[in-house]
Amino acid sequence: MTTKVERNKKDEVVITISGAKDAESLQRLTDYLTYLLATEGSKAKQSDVDKIARQAKAAWWKKNKKRYLGESRA
């Protein structure tokens, strides 16, 4: 497998991978790169992010609990 990373004239980073590929691993890599770009320069603290994640999970569970536990157990 060979890899090549370069910047083109449009100021884009182009990554070329040839050879055997594991699509799932490559998807995780692109997801991580997307995360890095999205959070670049963020001043958010990890504790703030964790709090938002807990709130989102709690809201999701409240909305979807009946689907997983059944109508009679909710």
Protein backbone atom coordinates (compact mmCIF):
# COMPACT_ATOMS: atom_id res chain seq x y z
CA MET A 1 0.00 0.00 0.00
CA THR A 2 1.29 3.45 -0.83
CA THR A 3 0.04 6.80 0.37
CA LYS A 4 0.59 10.29 -0.94
CA VAL A 5 -0.41 13.57 0.70
CA GLU A 6 -0.23 16.83 -1.20
CA ARG A 7 -1.81 20.26 -1.36
CA ASN A 8 -3.30 21.28 -4.71
CA LYS A 9 -3.66 24.71 -6.30
CA LYS A 10 -7.07 25.19 -4.65
CA ASP A 11 -5.37 24.91 -1.23
CA GLU A 12 -6.97 21.50 -0.67
CA VAL A 13 -5.16 18.59 0.94
CA VAL A 14 -5.40 15.52 -1.29
CA ILE A 15 -4.69 12.08 0.18
CA THR A 16 -4.19 9.24 -2.27
CA ILE A 17 -4.13 5.64 -1.03
CA SER A 18 -3.43 2.74 -3.34
CA GLY A 19 -3.31 -0.95 -2.62
CA ALA A 20 -5.28 -2.97 -0.10
CA LYS A 21 -7.82 -0.86 1.75
CA ASP A 22 -10.02 -1.47 4.74
CA ALA A 23 -13.02 0.76 4.03
CA GLU A 24 -14.16 0.84 7.66
CA SER A 25 -10.75 2.01 8.90
CA LEU A 26 -10.57 4.65 6.19
CA GLN A 27 -14.03 5.89 7.15
CA ARG A 28 -12.95 6.20 10.80
CA LEU A 29 -9.89 8.14 9.67
CA THR A 30 -11.96 10.56 7.57
CA ASP A 31 -14.43 10.97 10.45
CA TYR A 32 -11.54 11.85 12.76
CA LEU A 33 -10.12 14.35 10.27
CA THR A 34 -13.57 15.92 9.92
CA TYR A 35 -13.77 16.19 13.72
CA LEU A 36 -10.33 17.85 13.88
CA LEU A 37 -11.30 20.41 11.26
CA ALA A 38 -14.68 21.10 12.89
CA THR A 39 -13.20 21.65 16.34
CA GLU A 40 -10.14 23.59 15.28
CA GLY A 41 -9.87 26.72 17.39
CA SER A 42 -12.68 25.65 19.72
CA LYS A 43 -12.44 26.95 23.26
CA ALA A 44 -14.88 24.36 24.60
CA LYS A 45 -13.72 22.39 27.61
CA GLN A 46 -14.06 18.61 27.66
CA SER A 47 -16.34 18.89 30.71
CA ASP A 48 -18.70 21.14 28.70
CA VAL A 49 -18.74 18.69 25.81
CA ASP A 50 -19.41 15.79 28.21
CA LYS A 51 -22.32 17.69 29.79
CA ILE A 52 -23.91 18.39 26.39
CA ALA A 53 -23.46 14.74 25.39
CA ARG A 54 -25.18 13.55 28.61
CA GLN A 55 -28.07 15.93 28.02
CA ALA A 56 -28.46 14.79 24.41
CA LYS A 57 -28.39 11.12 25.41
CA ALA A 58 -30.96 11.69 28.17
CA ALA A 59 -33.27 13.52 25.77
CA TRP A 60 -32.88 10.78 23.16
CA TRP A 61 -33.61 8.06 25.73
CA LYS A 62 -36.70 9.87 26.99
CA LYS A 63 -38.00 10.12 23.42
CA ASN A 64 -37.15 6.52 22.41
CA LYS A 65 -37.51 4.49 25.62
CA LYS A 66 -40.90 3.07 24.62
CA ARG A 67 -39.46 1.67 21.40
CA TYR A 68 -36.90 -0.38 23.32
CA LEU A 69 -38.76 -1.32 26.49
CA GLY A 70 -42.24 -1.63 25.07
CA GLU A 71 -45.37 0.38 25.81
CA SER A 72 -46.20 -1.39 29.09
CA ARG A 73 -42.77 -0.91 30.71
CA ALA A 74 -42.18 2.76 29.84
